[in-house]
Amino acid sequence: MHTYARARTHTHTHMQIDDGYQQHMGDWLSSSDQLGVPLHDLLDQLADTGIDMALWIAPLSASASSDILKEHPEWFVKDELMLEILYQIKNLVDDA
């Protein structure tokens, strides 16, 4: 059953799309294959259910493979500690 159809059968007022929907940590508007549908399509399907939607993000994190880090490196701290953290996050996300 599609997410839209399931959402209409519940009396929930809020729904959160949690971590893992994104292509890469930091690319919050692109969806991974694990989500099953493009993020915008899912949000469009759910828009008329009356459910208030929330989207999980971690605005201070981005994986080294993310488009946002490649396109806007000036938005990120560039010291050795942060590079190590980014490397570890990338490995966690890529290994998931």
N, C-alpha and C. Protein backbone atom coordinates (compact mmCIF):
# COMPACT_ATOMS: atom_id res chain seq x y z
N MET A 1 0.84 -1.17 0.00
CA MET A 1 0.00 0.00 0.00
C MET A 1 0.89 1.24 0.00
N HIS A 2 0.54 2.22 -0.78
CA HIS A 2 1.32 3.44 -0.86
C HIS A 2 1.27 4.20 0.46
N THR A 3 2.31 4.96 0.73
CA THR A 3 2.37 5.76 1.95
C THR A 3 1.16 6.67 2.06
N TYR A 4 0.76 7.25 0.95
CA TYR A 4 -0.38 8.16 0.92
C TYR A 4 -1.64 7.44 1.42
N ALA A 5 -1.88 6.27 0.90
CA ALA A 5 -3.08 5.51 1.29
C ALA A 5 -3.02 5.13 2.76
N ARG A 6 -1.87 4.70 3.24
CA ARG A 6 -1.73 4.36 4.65
C ARG A 6 -1.94 5.58 5.54
N ALA A 7 -1.42 6.72 5.13
CA ALA A 7 -1.55 7.94 5.94
C ALA A 7 -3.01 8.33 6.07
N ARG A 8 -3.80 8.12 5.03
CA ARG A 8 -5.21 8.51 5.06
C ARG A 8 -6.03 7.62 5.99
N THR A 9 -5.54 6.41 6.31
CA THR A 9 -6.29 5.50 7.16
C THR A 9 -5.99 5.69 8.64
N HIS A 10 -5.07 6.56 8.98
CA HIS A 10 -4.69 6.81 10.37
C HIS A 10 -5.24 8.15 10.85
N THR A 11 -5.29 8.30 12.15
CA THR A 11 -5.77 9.56 12.72
C THR A 11 -4.61 10.42 13.22
N HIS A 12 -3.41 10.11 12.81
CA HIS A 12 -2.25 10.90 13.22
C HIS A 12 -2.35 12.32 12.67
N THR A 13 -1.80 13.25 13.44
CA THR A 13 -1.81 14.64 12.99
C THR A 13 -0.44 15.09 12.50
N HIS A 14 0.62 14.33 12.85
CA HIS A 14 1.99 14.70 12.48
C HIS A 14 2.74 13.46 11.99
N MET A 15 3.65 13.67 11.07
CA MET A 15 4.51 12.59 10.58
C MET A 15 5.90 13.16 10.34
N GLN A 16 6.92 12.43 10.76
CA GLN A 16 8.29 12.85 10.51
C GLN A 16 8.97 11.84 9.61
N ILE A 17 9.60 12.33 8.57
CA ILE A 17 10.45 11.50 7.73
C ILE A 17 11.83 11.58 8.36
N ASP A 18 12.34 10.45 8.79
CA ASP A 18 13.54 10.41 9.61
C ASP A 18 14.81 10.22 8.77
N ASP A 19 15.95 10.23 9.45
CA ASP A 19 17.26 10.07 8.83
C ASP A 19 17.29 8.83 7.94
N GLY A 20 17.96 8.96 6.83
CA GLY A 20 18.11 7.85 5.90
C GLY A 20 17.40 8.08 4.58
N TYR A 21 16.50 9.06 4.54
CA TYR A 21 15.78 9.35 3.31
C TYR A 21 16.68 10.06 2.30
N GLN A 22 17.72 10.75 2.77
CA GLN A 22 18.54 11.61 1.91
C GLN A 22 19.59 10.81 1.15
N GLN A 23 19.97 11.33 -0.01
CA GLN A 23 21.00 10.70 -0.84
C GLN A 23 22.33 10.66 -0.11
N HIS A 24 22.73 11.81 0.45
CA HIS A 24 23.96 11.94 1.22
C HIS A 24 23.67 12.85 2.40
N MET A 25 24.36 12.64 3.50
CA MET A 25 24.22 13.53 4.65
C MET A 25 24.56 14.94 4.19
N GLY A 26 23.63 15.84 4.34
CA GLY A 26 23.81 17.23 3.91
C GLY A 26 22.97 17.58 2.71
N ASP A 27 22.63 16.61 1.88
CA ASP A 27 21.78 16.85 0.71
C ASP A 27 20.33 16.57 1.09
N TRP A 28 19.74 17.49 1.85
CA TRP A 28 18.46 17.24 2.50
C TRP A 28 17.28 17.21 1.55
N LEU A 29 17.43 17.70 0.34
CA LEU A 29 16.31 17.72 -0.60
C LEU A 29 16.41 16.65 -1.67
N SER A 30 17.39 15.77 -1.57
CA SER A 30 17.48 14.66 -2.51
C SER A 30 17.24 13.36 -1.75
N SER A 31 16.52 12.45 -2.36
CA SER A 31 16.17 11.21 -1.66
C SER A 31 17.03 10.05 -2.13
N SER A 32 17.27 9.13 -1.22
CA SER A 32 18.03 7.93 -1.55
C SER A 32 17.09 6.89 -2.16
N ASP A 33 17.68 5.87 -2.74
CA ASP A 33 16.88 4.78 -3.29
C ASP A 33 16.10 4.06 -2.20
N GLN A 34 16.61 4.13 -0.96
CA GLN A 34 15.93 3.47 0.16
C GLN A 34 14.55 4.05 0.42
N LEU A 35 14.34 5.32 0.11
CA LEU A 35 13.04 5.93 0.33
C LEU A 35 11.99 5.34 -0.60
N GLY A 36 12.40 4.97 -1.79
CA GLY A 36 11.49 4.30 -2.72
C GLY A 36 10.80 5.23 -3.71
N VAL A 37 10.70 6.50 -3.38
CA VAL A 37 10.11 7.50 -4.27
C VAL A 37 10.89 8.79 -4.09
N PRO A 38 10.88 9.66 -5.09
CA PRO A 38 11.52 10.96 -4.90
C PRO A 38 10.85 11.71 -3.73
N LEU A 39 11.63 12.40 -2.93
CA LEU A 39 11.13 13.10 -1.76
C LEU A 39 9.98 14.04 -2.12
N HIS A 40 10.12 14.82 -3.20
CA HIS A 40 9.08 15.76 -3.59
C HIS A 40 7.78 15.02 -3.93
N ASP A 41 7.87 13.86 -4.57
CA ASP A 41 6.66 13.09 -4.88
C ASP A 41 5.97 12.62 -3.61
N LEU A 42 6.75 12.15 -2.65
CA LEU A 42 6.17 11.70 -1.38
C LEU A 42 5.47 12.85 -0.67
N LEU A 43 6.12 13.99 -0.60
CA LEU A 43 5.51 15.14 0.06
C LEU A 43 4.25 15.60 -0.67
N ASP A 44 4.26 15.53 -2.00
CA ASP A 44 3.06 15.86 -2.77
C ASP A 44 1.92 14.89 -2.45
N GLN A 45 2.24 13.60 -2.35
CA GLN A 45 1.23 12.59 -2.02
C GLN A 45 0.61 12.84 -0.66
N LEU A 46 1.42 13.29 0.28
CA LEU A 46 0.96 13.46 1.65
C LEU A 46 0.35 14.83 1.91
N ALA A 47 0.50 15.75 0.97
CA ALA A 47 0.09 17.14 1.20
C ALA A 47 -1.39 17.28 1.53
N ASP A 48 -2.25 16.52 0.91
CA ASP A 48 -3.69 16.70 1.13
C ASP A 48 -4.26 15.73 2.16
N THR A 49 -3.41 15.09 2.96
CA THR A 49 -3.90 14.19 4.00
C THR A 49 -4.26 14.94 5.27
N GLY A 50 -3.83 16.21 5.38
CA GLY A 50 -4.07 16.97 6.60
C GLY A 50 -3.03 16.72 7.67
N ILE A 51 -2.05 15.91 7.36
CA ILE A 51 -0.99 15.60 8.32
C ILE A 51 0.11 16.65 8.21
N ASP A 52 0.52 17.20 9.34
CA ASP A 52 1.65 18.13 9.36
C ASP A 52 2.93 17.34 9.24
N MET A 53 3.74 17.70 8.25
CA MET A 53 4.95 16.95 7.95
C MET A 53 6.17 17.61 8.58
N ALA A 54 7.10 16.77 9.03
CA ALA A 54 8.39 17.22 9.54
C ALA A 54 9.46 16.42 8.81
N LEU A 55 10.57 17.05 8.53
CA LEU A 55 11.67 16.41 7.81
C LEU A 55 12.91 16.47 8.69
N TRP A 56 13.50 15.30 8.96
CA TRP A 56 14.72 15.24 9.77
C TRP A 56 15.88 15.81 8.97
N ILE A 57 16.63 16.70 9.61
CA ILE A 57 17.88 17.19 9.03
C ILE A 57 18.88 17.40 10.15
N ALA A 58 20.13 17.44 9.79
CA ALA A 58 21.20 17.80 10.70
C ALA A 58 21.99 18.91 9.99
N PRO A 59 21.56 20.14 10.16
CA PRO A 59 22.09 21.23 9.33
C PRO A 59 23.57 21.51 9.48
N LEU A 60 24.20 20.99 10.50
CA LEU A 60 25.63 21.24 10.69
C LEU A 60 26.49 20.09 10.19
N SER A 61 25.88 19.10 9.54
CA SER A 61 26.61 17.92 9.07
C SER A 61 26.47 17.76 7.57
N ALA A 62 27.53 17.26 6.97
CA ALA A 62 27.49 16.92 5.55
C ALA A 62 28.57 15.89 5.29
N SER A 63 28.24 14.89 4.50
CA SER A 63 29.26 13.91 4.16
C SER A 63 30.18 14.47 3.09
N ALA A 64 31.36 13.94 3.01
CA ALA A 64 32.33 14.42 2.03
C ALA A 64 31.84 14.21 0.61
N SER A 65 30.93 13.27 0.41
CA SER A 65 30.40 12.99 -0.93
C SER A 65 29.15 13.80 -1.24
N SER A 66 28.72 14.66 -0.33
CA SER A 66 27.48 15.42 -0.55
C SER A 66 27.69 16.52 -1.59
N ASP A 67 26.62 16.80 -2.32
CA ASP A 67 26.66 17.89 -3.30
C ASP A 67 26.83 19.23 -2.60
N ILE A 68 26.18 19.41 -1.45
CA ILE A 68 26.25 20.69 -0.76
C ILE A 68 27.68 21.04 -0.35
N LEU A 69 28.43 20.06 0.10
CA LEU A 69 29.83 20.32 0.47
C LEU A 69 30.67 20.60 -0.76
N LYS A 70 30.41 19.89 -1.85
CA LYS A 70 31.16 20.12 -3.09
C LYS A 70 30.84 21.49 -3.69
N GLU A 71 29.55 21.88 -3.63
CA GLU A 71 29.13 23.14 -4.26
C GLU A 71 29.40 24.36 -3.38
N HIS A 72 29.41 24.19 -2.06
CA HIS A 72 29.58 25.31 -1.15
C HIS A 72 30.55 24.98 -0.02
N PRO A 73 31.80 24.69 -0.34
CA PRO A 73 32.76 24.35 0.71
C PRO A 73 32.98 25.50 1.70
N GLU A 74 32.70 26.72 1.25
CA GLU A 74 32.89 27.89 2.14
C GLU A 74 31.88 27.90 3.29
N TRP A 75 30.85 27.09 3.22
CA TRP A 75 29.84 27.03 4.29
C TRP A 75 30.29 26.13 5.45
N PHE A 76 31.43 25.45 5.31
CA PHE A 76 31.84 24.44 6.28
C PHE A 76 33.19 24.78 6.90
N VAL A 77 33.35 24.34 8.15
CA VAL A 77 34.61 24.49 8.86
C VAL A 77 35.64 23.59 8.18
N LYS A 78 36.85 24.11 8.00
CA LYS A 78 37.86 23.36 7.27
C LYS A 78 39.12 23.16 8.12
N ASP A 79 38.99 22.53 9.24
CA ASP A 79 40.19 22.20 10.01
C ASP A 79 40.34 20.68 10.07
N GLU A 80 41.44 20.22 10.59
CA GLU A 80 41.71 18.77 10.60
C GLU A 80 40.67 17.99 11.38
N LEU A 81 40.20 18.52 12.51
CA LEU A 81 39.19 17.83 13.29
C LEU A 81 37.91 17.67 12.48
N MET A 82 37.47 18.74 11.82
CA MET A 82 36.23 18.66 11.05
C MET A 82 36.39 17.71 9.86
N LEU A 83 37.55 17.72 9.22
CA LEU A 83 37.77 16.79 8.11
C LEU A 83 37.68 15.35 8.59
N GLU A 84 38.20 15.06 9.78
CA GLU A 84 38.11 13.72 10.35
C GLU A 84 36.67 13.37 10.67
N ILE A 85 35.91 14.31 11.21
CA ILE A 85 34.49 14.07 11.51
C ILE A 85 33.73 13.80 10.21
N LEU A 86 33.97 14.60 9.19
CA LEU A 86 33.30 14.38 7.90
C LEU A 86 33.64 13.01 7.34
N TYR A 87 34.90 12.60 7.46
CA TYR A 87 35.32 11.30 6.97
C TYR A 87 34.57 10.19 7.72
N GLN A 88 34.46 10.32 9.04
CA GLN A 88 33.77 9.30 9.83
C GLN A 88 32.29 9.26 9.49
N ILE A 89 31.66 10.42 9.33
CA ILE A 89 30.24 10.46 8.96
C ILE A 89 30.03 9.82 7.60
N LYS A 90 30.90 10.13 6.65
CA LYS A 90 30.77 9.54 5.32
C LYS A 90 30.84 8.03 5.40
N ASN A 91 31.78 7.50 6.18
CA ASN A 91 31.91 6.06 6.31
C ASN A 91 30.67 5.44 6.96
N LEU A 92 30.12 6.10 7.97
CA LEU A 92 28.91 5.59 8.60
C LEU A 92 27.75 5.55 7.63
N VAL A 93 27.58 6.62 6.87
CA VAL A 93 26.46 6.71 5.92
C VAL A 93 26.68 5.72 4.77
N ASP A 94 27.88 5.68 4.24
CA ASP A 94 28.15 4.80 3.10
C ASP A 94 28.07 3.33 3.47
N ASP A 95 28.36 3.00 4.74
CA ASP A 95 28.32 1.60 5.18
C ASP A 95 26.93 1.16 5.60
N ALA A 96 26.01 2.11 5.72
CA ALA A 96 24.65 1.77 6.19
C ALA A 96 23.87 0.99 5.15
